[in-house]
Structures are given as C-alpha cells and as structure tokens.
C-alpha atoms as a PDB file:
ATOM      1  CA  UNK A   1      66.213 -16.390  83.756  1.00  0.00           C
ATOM      2  CA  UNK A   2      67.797 -16.525  87.217  1.00  0.00           C
ATOM      3  CA  UNK A   3      71.275 -15.174  87.944  1.00  0.00           C
ATOM      4  CA  UNK A   4      72.587 -18.735  88.306  1.00  0.00           C
ATOM      5  CA  UNK A   5      71.056 -19.771  84.987  1.00  0.00           C
ATOM      6  CA  UNK A   6      72.555 -16.727  83.269  1.00  0.00           C
ATOM      7  CA  UNK A   7      76.015 -17.541  84.605  1.00  0.00           C
ATOM      8  CA  UNK A   8      75.678 -21.122  83.395  1.00  0.00           C
ATOM      9  CA  UNK A   9      74.546 -19.974  79.953  1.00  0.00           C
ATOM     10  CA  UNK A  10      77.565 -17.664  79.729  1.00  0.00           C
ATOM     11  CA  UNK A  11      79.882 -20.703  79.880  1.00  0.00           C
ATOM     12  CA  UNK A  12      77.810 -23.364  78.105  1.00  0.00           C
ATOM     13  CA  UNK A  13      79.514 -26.178  76.186  1.00  0.00           C
ATOM     14  CA  UNK A  14      79.952 -24.193  72.931  1.00  0.00           C
ATOM     15  CA  UNK A  15      81.857 -21.522  74.911  1.00  0.00           C
ATOM     16  CA  UNK A  16      84.287 -23.891  76.612  1.00  0.00           C
ATOM     17  CA  UNK A  17      86.707 -23.919  73.696  1.00  0.00           C
ATOM     18  CA  UNK A  18      87.018 -20.120  73.794  1.00  0.00           C
ATOM     19  CA  UNK A  19      87.462 -20.224  77.568  1.00  0.00           C
ATOM     20  CA  UNK A  20      90.301 -22.750  77.210  1.00  0.00           C
ATOM     21  CA  UNK A  21      91.935 -20.552  74.560  1.00  0.00           C
ATOM     22  CA  UNK A  22      91.805 -17.572  76.944  1.00  0.00           C
ATOM     23  CA  UNK A  23      93.841 -19.307  79.675  1.00  0.00           C
ATOM     24  CA  UNK A  24      97.406 -18.115  80.312  1.00  0.00           C
ATOM     25  CA  UNK A  25      99.106 -20.785  78.212  1.00  0.00           C
ATOM     26  CA  UNK A  26     102.633 -19.322  78.397  1.00  0.00           C
ATOM     27  CA  UNK A  27     102.437 -19.605  82.193  1.00  0.00           C
ATOM     28  CA  UNK A  28     100.858 -23.072  82.014  1.00  0.00           C
ATOM     29  CA  UNK A  29     103.475 -24.428  79.626  1.00  0.00           C
ATOM     30  CA  UNK A  30     106.239 -22.892  81.732  1.00  0.00           C
ATOM     31  CA  UNK A  31     104.909 -24.711  84.807  1.00  0.00           C
ATOM     32  CA  UNK A  32     104.695 -27.961  82.853  1.00  0.00           C
ATOM     33  CA  UNK A  33     108.301 -27.611  81.744  1.00  0.00           C
ATOM     34  CA  UNK A  34     109.654 -26.877  85.219  1.00  0.00           C
ATOM     35  CA  UNK A  35     107.408 -29.068  87.411  1.00  0.00           C
ATOM     36  CA  UNK A  36     105.724 -31.606  85.151  1.00  0.00           C
ATOM     37  CA  UNK A  37     102.309 -30.238  86.146  1.00  0.00           C
ATOM     38  CA  UNK A  38     100.350 -26.993  86.024  1.00  0.00           C
ATOM     39  CA  UNK A  39      97.072 -25.762  87.497  1.00  0.00           C
ATOM     40  CA  UNK A  40      94.382 -24.439  85.140  1.00  0.00           C
ATOM     41  CA  UNK A  41      92.403 -22.245  87.508  1.00  0.00           C
ATOM     42  CA  UNK A  42      88.642 -21.979  87.073  1.00  0.00           C
ATOM     43  CA  UNK A  43      88.477 -24.239  84.033  1.00  0.00           C
ATOM     44  CA  UNK A  44      84.856 -25.077  84.885  1.00  0.00           C
ATOM     45  CA  UNK A  45      82.184 -23.180  86.797  1.00  0.00           C
ATOM     46  CA  UNK A  46      80.614 -24.749  89.919  1.00  0.00           C
ATOM     47  CA  UNK A  47      77.414 -25.349  87.954  1.00  0.00           C
ATOM     48  CA  UNK A  48      79.318 -27.155  85.211  1.00  0.00           C
ATOM     49  CA  UNK A  49      81.109 -29.245  87.835  1.00  0.00           C
ATOM     50  CA  UNK A  50      77.821 -30.300  89.411  1.00  0.00           C
ATOM     51  CA  UNK A  51      76.308 -31.069  86.015  1.00  0.00           C
ATOM     52  CA  UNK A  52      79.174 -33.392  85.061  1.00  0.00           C
ATOM     53  CA  UNK A  53      79.272 -35.090  88.484  1.00  0.00           C
ATOM     54  CA  UNK A  54      75.513 -35.707  88.250  1.00  0.00           C
ATOM     55  CA  UNK A  55      76.158 -38.085  85.337  1.00  0.00           C
ATOM     56  CA  UNK A  56      77.724 -40.643  87.675  1.00  0.00           C
ATOM     57  CA  UNK A  57      74.618 -42.611  88.761  1.00  0.00           C
ATOM     58  CA  UNK A  58      73.271 -42.910  85.192  1.00  0.00           C
ATOM     59  CA  UNK A  59      75.033 -45.791  83.435  1.00  0.00           C
ATOM     60  CA  UNK A  60      73.696 -44.741  80.037  1.00  0.00           C
ATOM     61  CA  UNK A  61      76.679 -42.342  79.785  1.00  0.00           C
ATOM     62  CA  UNK A  62      79.351 -44.969  80.456  1.00  0.00           C
ATOM     63  CA  UNK A  63      80.940 -48.033  78.873  1.00  0.00           C
ATOM     64  CA  UNK A  64      82.331 -49.620  82.049  1.00  0.00           C
ATOM     65  CA  UNK A  65      82.660 -49.291  85.835  1.00  0.00           C
ATOM     66  CA  UNK A  66      85.850 -50.100  87.742  1.00  0.00           C
ATOM     67  CA  UNK A  67      85.878 -50.855  91.476  1.00  0.00           C
ATOM     68  CA  UNK A  68      89.439 -50.002  92.377  1.00  0.00           C
ATOM     69  CA  UNK A  69      89.842 -52.381  95.311  1.00  0.00           C
ATOM     70  CA  UNK A  70      89.239 -55.409  93.069  1.00  0.00           C
ATOM     71  CA  UNK A  71      92.331 -54.581  91.006  1.00  0.00           C
ATOM     72  CA  UNK A  72      94.695 -53.277  93.681  1.00  0.00           C
ATOM     73  CA  UNK A  73      94.337 -49.715  92.396  1.00  0.00           C
ATOM     74  CA  UNK A  74      93.319 -48.301  95.791  1.00  0.00           C
ATOM     75  CA  UNK A  75      89.794 -47.707  97.082  1.00  0.00           C
ATOM     76  CA  UNK A  76      86.956 -45.968  95.280  1.00  0.00           C
ATOM     77  CA  UNK A  77      85.523 -46.410  91.816  1.00  0.00           C
ATOM     78  CA  UNK A  78      85.366 -44.807  88.405  1.00  0.00           C
ATOM     79  CA  UNK A  79      83.471 -45.074  85.150  1.00  0.00           C
ATOM     80  CA  UNK A  80      84.688 -44.634  81.595  1.00  0.00           C
ATOM     81  CA  UNK A  81      82.428 -42.537  79.398  1.00  0.00           C
ATOM     82  CA  UNK A  82      81.094 -44.023  76.181  1.00  0.00           C
ATOM     83  CA  UNK A  83      80.892 -42.316  72.809  1.00  0.00           C
ATOM     84  CA  UNK A  84      79.331 -39.912  72.072  1.00  0.00           C
ATOM     85  CA  UNK A  85      80.838 -38.032  75.004  1.00  0.00           C
ATOM     86  CA  UNK A  86      78.715 -35.536  76.951  1.00  0.00           C
ATOM     87  CA  UNK A  87      78.846 -32.158  75.233  1.00  0.00           C
ATOM     88  CA  UNK A  88      81.102 -30.405  77.746  1.00  0.00           C
ATOM     89  CA  UNK A  89      83.696 -33.183  77.659  1.00  0.00           C
ATOM     90  CA  UNK A  90      83.522 -33.410  73.876  1.00  0.00           C
ATOM     91  CA  UNK A  91      84.346 -29.679  73.802  1.00  0.00           C
ATOM     92  CA  UNK A  92      87.129 -29.789  76.394  1.00  0.00           C
ATOM     93  CA  UNK A  93      89.120 -32.670  74.946  1.00  0.00           C
ATOM     94  CA  UNK A  94      90.094 -31.137  71.572  1.00  0.00           C
ATOM     95  CA  UNK A  95      90.358 -27.618  73.021  1.00  0.00           C
ATOM     96  CA  UNK A  96      92.912 -28.711  75.635  1.00  0.00           C
ATOM     97  CA  UNK A  97      94.757 -30.949  73.184  1.00  0.00           C
ATOM     98  CA  UNK A  98      95.234 -28.027  70.805  1.00  0.00           C
ATOM     99  CA  UNK A  99      97.378 -26.216  73.396  1.00  0.00           C
ATOM    100  CA  UNK A 100      99.140 -29.250  74.883  1.00  0.00           C
ATOM    101  CA  UNK A 101     100.139 -30.723  71.506  1.00  0.00           C
ATOM    102  CA  UNK A 102     103.063 -28.327  71.075  1.00  0.00           C
ATOM    103  CA  UNK A 103     104.346 -29.177  74.572  1.00  0.00           C
ATOM    104  CA  UNK A 104     104.133 -32.899  73.786  1.00  0.00           C
ATOM    105  CA  UNK A 105     106.090 -32.492  70.553  1.00  0.00           C
ATOM    106  CA  UNK A 106     108.726 -30.326  72.205  1.00  0.00           C
ATOM    107  CA  UNK A 107     109.152 -32.838  75.036  1.00  0.00           C
ATOM    108  CA  UNK A 108     109.550 -35.751  72.625  1.00  0.00           C
ATOM    109  CA  UNK A 109     112.142 -33.837  70.637  1.00  0.00           C
ATOM    110  CA  UNK A 110     114.092 -33.085  73.824  1.00  0.00           C
ATOM    111  CA  UNK A 111     113.957 -36.768  74.844  1.00  0.00           C
ATOM    112  CA  UNK A 112     114.991 -37.956  71.349  1.00  0.00           C
ATOM    113  CA  UNK A 113     111.628 -39.692  70.829  1.00  0.00           C
ATOM    114  CA  UNK A 114     110.654 -39.756  67.165  1.00  0.00           C
ATOM    115  CA  UNK A 115     106.862 -39.615  67.704  1.00  0.00           C
ATOM    116  CA  UNK A 116     105.108 -36.351  66.835  1.00  0.00           C
ATOM    117  CA  UNK A 117     101.478 -35.438  67.421  1.00  0.00           C
ATOM    118  CA  UNK A 118      99.188 -33.892  64.788  1.00  0.00           C
ATOM    119  CA  UNK A 119      97.642 -30.455  65.195  1.00  0.00           C
ATOM    120  CA  UNK A 120      94.082 -31.703  65.744  1.00  0.00           C
ATOM    121  CA  UNK A 121      92.800 -34.151  68.309  1.00  0.00           C
ATOM    122  CA  UNK A 122      90.602 -35.781  65.654  1.00  0.00           C
ATOM    123  CA  UNK A 123      93.710 -36.675  63.642  1.00  0.00           C
ATOM    124  CA  UNK A 124      95.383 -38.143  66.739  1.00  0.00           C
ATOM    125  CA  UNK A 125      92.274 -40.222  67.556  1.00  0.00           C
ATOM    126  CA  UNK A 126      92.346 -41.540  63.974  1.00  0.00           C
ATOM    127  CA  UNK A 127      95.910 -42.731  64.662  1.00  0.00           C
ATOM    128  CA  UNK A 128      94.689 -44.487  67.805  1.00  0.00           C
ATOM    129  CA  UNK A 129      91.727 -46.077  66.023  1.00  0.00           C
ATOM    130  CA  UNK A 130      93.916 -47.359  63.193  1.00  0.00           C
ATOM    131  CA  UNK A 131      95.970 -49.174  65.848  1.00  0.00           C
ATOM    132  CA  UNK A 132      92.869 -50.723  67.456  1.00  0.00           C
ATOM    133  CA  UNK A 133      92.577 -48.136  70.246  1.00  0.00           C
ATOM    134  CA  UNK A 134      88.936 -47.093  69.819  1.00  0.00           C
ATOM    135  CA  UNK A 135      87.448 -47.101  73.325  1.00  0.00           C
ATOM    136  CA  UNK A 136      87.045 -43.633  74.926  1.00  0.00           C
ATOM    137  CA  UNK A 137      89.148 -42.944  78.009  1.00  0.00           C
ATOM    138  CA  UNK A 138      87.632 -39.822  79.664  1.00  0.00           C
ATOM    139  CA  UNK A 139      86.454 -40.989  83.077  1.00  0.00           C
ATOM    140  CA  UNK A 140      84.526 -39.871  86.123  1.00  0.00           C
ATOM    141  CA  UNK A 141      85.979 -40.875  89.496  1.00  0.00           C
ATOM    142  CA  UNK A 142      84.084 -41.133  92.765  1.00  0.00           C
ATOM    143  CA  UNK A 143      85.757 -41.378  96.169  1.00  0.00           C
ATOM    144  CA  UNK A 144      84.111 -41.684  99.589  1.00  0.00           C
ATOM    145  CA  UNK A 145      85.642 -41.445 103.074  1.00  0.00           C
ATOM    146  CA  UNK A 146      88.636 -43.774 103.362  1.00  0.00           C
ATOM    147  CA  UNK A 147      89.115 -44.047  99.591  1.00  0.00           C
ATOM    148  CA  UNK A 148      92.355 -43.244  97.774  1.00  0.00           C
ATOM    149  CA  UNK A 149      94.051 -43.782  94.413  1.00  0.00           C
ATOM    150  CA  UNK A 150      97.429 -45.523  94.287  1.00  0.00           C
ATOM    151  CA  UNK A 151     100.247 -43.968  92.299  1.00  0.00           C
ATOM    152  CA  UNK A 152      99.890 -45.030  88.669  1.00  0.00           C
ATOM    153  CA  UNK A 153     100.166 -44.104  84.987  1.00  0.00           C
ATOM    154  CA  UNK A 154      97.278 -44.108  82.499  1.00  0.00           C
ATOM    155  CA  UNK A 155      98.798 -46.071  79.612  1.00  0.00           C
ATOM    156  CA  UNK A 156      96.214 -47.814  77.438  1.00  0.00           C
ATOM    157  CA  UNK A 157      98.035 -49.017  74.346  1.00  0.00           C
ATOM    158  CA  UNK A 158     100.809 -48.315  71.855  1.00  0.00           C
ATOM    159  CA  UNK A 159      99.739 -44.712  71.246  1.00  0.00           C
ATOM    160  CA  UNK A 160      99.971 -42.501  74.335  1.00  0.00           C
ATOM    161  CA  UNK A 161      99.597 -38.738  74.442  1.00  0.00           C
ATOM    162  CA  UNK A 162     102.147 -37.627  77.074  1.00  0.00           C
ATOM    163  CA  UNK A 163      99.912 -35.192  78.997  1.00  0.00           C
ATOM    164  CA  UNK A 164      96.493 -35.451  80.589  1.00  0.00           C
ATOM    165  CA  UNK A 165      94.153 -33.280  82.662  1.00  0.00           C
ATOM    166  CA  UNK A 166      92.193 -33.934  85.866  1.00  0.00           C
ATOM    167  CA  UNK A 167      89.413 -31.542  86.919  1.00  0.00           C
ATOM    168  CA  UNK A 168      88.153 -31.360  90.504  1.00  0.00           C
ATOM    169  CA  UNK A 169      84.343 -31.311  90.430  1.00  0.00           C
ATOM    170  CA  UNK A 170      83.701 -31.208  94.188  1.00  0.00           C
ATOM    171  CA  UNK A 171      84.357 -28.386  96.632  1.00  0.00           C
ATOM    172  CA  UNK A 172      87.143 -29.037  99.168  1.00  0.00           C
ATOM    173  CA  UNK A 173      86.105 -28.376 102.753  1.00  0.00           C
ATOM    174  CA  UNK A 174      82.409 -28.563 101.928  1.00  0.00           C
ATOM    175  CA  UNK A 175      81.934 -31.757  99.906  1.00  0.00           C
ATOM    176  CA  UNK A 176      85.018 -33.578 101.200  1.00  0.00           C
ATOM    177  CA  UNK A 177      88.240 -33.274 103.174  1.00  0.00           C
ATOM    178  CA  UNK A 178      91.601 -34.865 102.377  1.00  0.00           C
ATOM    179  CA  UNK A 179      91.920 -36.251  98.872  1.00  0.00           C
ATOM    180  CA  UNK A 180      94.852 -34.195  97.597  1.00  0.00           C
ATOM    181  CA  UNK A 181      96.205 -34.767  94.088  1.00  0.00           C
ATOM    182  CA  UNK A 182      99.744 -36.171  94.362  1.00  0.00           C
ATOM    183  CA  UNK A 183     102.424 -36.441  91.686  1.00  0.00           C
ATOM    184  CA  UNK A 184     105.745 -38.227  92.170  1.00  0.00           C
ATOM    185  CA  UNK A 185     108.827 -37.866  90.005  1.00  0.00           C
ATOM    186  CA  UNK A 186     111.430 -40.631  89.924  1.00  0.00           C
ATOM    187  CA  UNK A 187     114.767 -39.134  88.979  1.00  0.00           C
ATOM    188  CA  UNK A 188     117.763 -41.240  87.849  1.00  0.00           C
ATOM    189  CA  UNK A 189     120.135 -42.082  90.711  1.00  0.00           C
ATOM    190  CA  UNK A 190     118.164 -39.836  93.063  1.00  0.00           C
ATOM    191  CA  UNK A 191     115.306 -40.220  95.517  1.00  0.00           C
ATOM    192  CA  UNK A 192     111.784 -39.576  94.246  1.00  0.00           C
ATOM    193  CA  UNK A 193     110.236 -36.115  94.534  1.00  0.00           C
ATOM    194  CA  UNK A 194     106.581 -35.632  95.547  1.00  0.00           C
ATOM    195  CA  UNK A 195     104.367 -32.723  94.469  1.00  0.00           C
ATOM    196  CA  UNK A 196     101.007 -32.103  96.193  1.00  0.00           C
ATOM    197  CA  UNK A 197      98.748 -29.948  94.015  1.00  0.00           C
ATOM    198  CA  UNK A 198      96.000 -28.004  95.846  1.00  0.00           C
ATOM    199  CA  UNK A 199      92.866 -27.537  93.738  1.00  0.00           C
ATOM    200  CA  UNK A 200      89.616 -25.621  94.179  1.00  0.00           C
ATOM    201  CA  UNK A 201      86.321 -26.712  92.655  1.00  0.00           C
ATOM    202  CA  UNK A 202      86.541 -26.263  88.890  1.00  0.00           C
ATOM    203  CA  UNK A 203      90.342 -26.123  88.851  1.00  0.00           C
ATOM    204  CA  UNK A 204      92.221 -28.591  86.679  1.00  0.00           C
ATOM    205  CA  UNK A 205      95.729 -29.953  86.792  1.00  0.00           C
ATOM    206  CA  UNK A 206      97.576 -30.804  83.580  1.00  0.00           C
ATOM    207  CA  UNK A 207     100.423 -33.250  84.114  1.00  0.00           C
ATOM    208  CA  UNK A 208     102.781 -35.709  82.484  1.00  0.00           C
ATOM    209  CA  UNK A 209     101.329 -39.177  81.902  1.00  0.00           C
ATOM    210  CA  UNK A 210     104.566 -41.151  81.856  1.00  0.00           C
ATOM    211  CA  UNK A 211     107.790 -39.149  81.634  1.00  0.00           C
ATOM    212  CA  UNK A 212     109.095 -35.679  80.844  1.00  0.00           C
ATOM    213  CA  UNK A 213     112.450 -34.132  79.922  1.00  0.00           C
ATOM    214  CA  UNK A 214     114.639 -32.510  82.572  1.00  0.00           C
ATOM    215  CA  UNK A 215     117.834 -30.603  81.815  1.00  0.00           C
ATOM    216  CA  UNK A 216     120.781 -31.912  83.805  1.00  0.00           C
ATOM    217  CA  UNK A 217     124.466 -31.040  83.925  1.00  0.00           C
ATOM    218  CA  UNK A 218     125.184 -33.695  81.278  1.00  0.00           C
ATOM    219  CA  UNK A 219     122.247 -32.939  79.008  1.00  0.00           C
ATOM    220  CA  UNK A 220     118.564 -33.816  78.945  1.00  0.00           C
ATOM    221  CA  UNK A 221     117.287 -36.942  80.671  1.00  0.00           C
ATOM    222  CA  UNK A 222     113.880 -38.508  81.216  1.00  0.00           C
ATOM    223  CA  UNK A 223     112.152 -38.589  84.570  1.00  0.00           C
ATOM    224  CA  UNK A 224     109.335 -41.021  85.284  1.00  0.00           C
ATOM    225  CA  UNK A 225     106.104 -39.687  86.834  1.00  0.00           C
ATOM    226  CA  UNK A 226     103.160 -41.286  88.594  1.00  0.00           C
ATOM    227  CA  UNK A 227     100.038 -39.673  90.007  1.00  0.00           C
ATOM    228  CA  UNK A 228      97.419 -40.551  92.611  1.00  0.00           C
ATOM    229  CA  UNK A 229      95.037 -39.177  95.234  1.00  0.00           C
ATOM    230  CA  UNK A 230      95.596 -39.227  99.002  1.00  0.00           C
ATOM    231  CA  UNK A 231      93.029 -40.672 101.402  1.00  0.00           C
ATOM    232  CA  UNK A 232      89.622 -39.007 101.564  1.00  0.00           C
ATOM    233  CA  UNK A 233      89.017 -38.141 105.209  1.00  0.00           C
ATOM    234  CA  UNK A 234      85.322 -37.267 104.939  1.00  0.00           C
ATOM    235  CA  UNK A 235      82.584 -36.711 102.376  1.00  0.00           C
ATOM    236  CA  UNK A 236      82.581 -37.547  98.663  1.00  0.00           C
ATOM    237  CA  UNK A 237      84.961 -36.354  95.915  1.00  0.00           C
ATOM    238  CA  UNK A 238      84.259 -36.411  92.160  1.00  0.00           C
ATOM    239  CA  UNK A 239      86.935 -35.837  89.529  1.00  0.00           C
ATOM    240  CA  UNK A 240      86.806 -35.729  85.744  1.00  0.00           C
ATOM    241  CA  UNK A 241      89.807 -37.276  84.026  1.00  0.00           C
ATOM    242  CA  UNK A 242      90.530 -36.092  80.478  1.00  0.00           C
ATOM    243  CA  UNK A 243      92.873 -38.509  78.728  1.00  0.00           C
ATOM    244  CA  UNK A 244      93.620 -37.787  75.087  1.00  0.00           C
ATOM    245  CA  UNK A 245      94.504 -41.244  73.756  1.00  0.00           C
ATOM    246  CA  UNK A 246      91.859 -43.956  73.482  1.00  0.00           C
ATOM    247  CA  UNK A 247      92.189 -47.544  74.695  1.00  0.00           C
ATOM    248  CA  UNK A 248      92.190 -50.999  73.131  1.00  0.00           C
END
C-alpha cells in the first residue's frame, strides 16, 4: 500500500464520525454563537475531497441538476444527491447533526421558537418525511471562471434545521482563484454586516440557514442571514453542501 493509500484508509468513511467527534466543538459552538458561522478545519482529507468531487460527472449519484443562471441564482450549477447517499456523505450528515442539534435547540429557545430537534438525525428525517419532505438535499456545486452564487437561504419546506455545513473540495490558488464564501447578516434597524470566510481544501464552514439569536441591550432578537459565493476568477471550484432537512 502506498503512503497516499494508507493516509486515505486512515480516514475512510467509517472513521469520519469519530473524526467529527474529535473536533473542538466548544470552540465551534462559541464561534457560531458570536458570528453565526464557524470553520471546521481539516474536516476532509485532500483525497476525500477529490473522491467526492469526482462524483460530479456521473449522474447515477444524483436526483437532479440545477443550472443557476436559468433561475436567477447566479452562475454555475449544482446537483442534488439521490438516496442512498455516497458513504462519506451518509457518515458526515448524522455525525455533524449530533453536535449541531444542541446549538439549534438553544437558539430556538433564545428566540422563543417552540420547535425542538431530536437527538438523532434519523429521527429528524422521519419528521421531515412525515410532512412530505423526502427528497435528499446534500448537493455538489461546480463553479467555473466567472461563476458566482447569489445570496440566498436553503429553505425547502415546513421543517428546516437551522444550521448547515459547506465543505470546500478544491484547493484555492491551485484549482481556482476568487470564489470566497460570503455570509451577510441583516440586523434590525441597522445596516447589513458581511463576513468573508477563508477556507482551505477540506475545511468546512457551519453557518445559520435562516436566522440566529443575538443579545441586544433590550434582550434577544433575531437576525436574518444569507450566504453566497463571490465570483470565481479562474479555474474550477467544487463544494459539498450538507443540509440536514430534506425537501418536498
């Protein structure tokens, strides 16, 4: 076995859950609370990134393809995975949910929202399916030079998990230039705040899907968030989006 193959085997799909558990979750949750986003450094290895990105040309893995320009979403395209999900993504989704679930419940309590999320992702998906949300939402995005993603929110039905994760699969400076992840926060009676999140290959960003609580001088209020990607200046950029609620 080559050195590269050994490194890949050390972080195969069955090991991803343990790797997620080993991340510094107190720091991650602290960043989420203060900024609405947090970087998960080195979530995937370069080999894992390339393996996931290599799925893109093979439609057998996907349920649909979206050309963004046709819908006013920006420029570029993405594909939604079909069930059963590829092994790595099937491992990541419940492992990440397990740690983000407590943040989601705490945020809803702070914002006086009655919804609470169960401990397991399987139980939450059952809630989605019972409401007619049964189509998988993890997606693979592909951007070429000149492409970009307009600011948006990934809301697919009545049941929405309030956090999601995007993982950069390409290497900045080698595979592409430009294409920064951008998050904007619309605060009541104030101008919007922008956050640009630098990512290396294999890094992920966890962020608020719709809104999050912020402590003000008169108590807690909700701020509205949107996310997007700035213009790709050269090359090709692949990103894996891990959304925890399914779609109608």
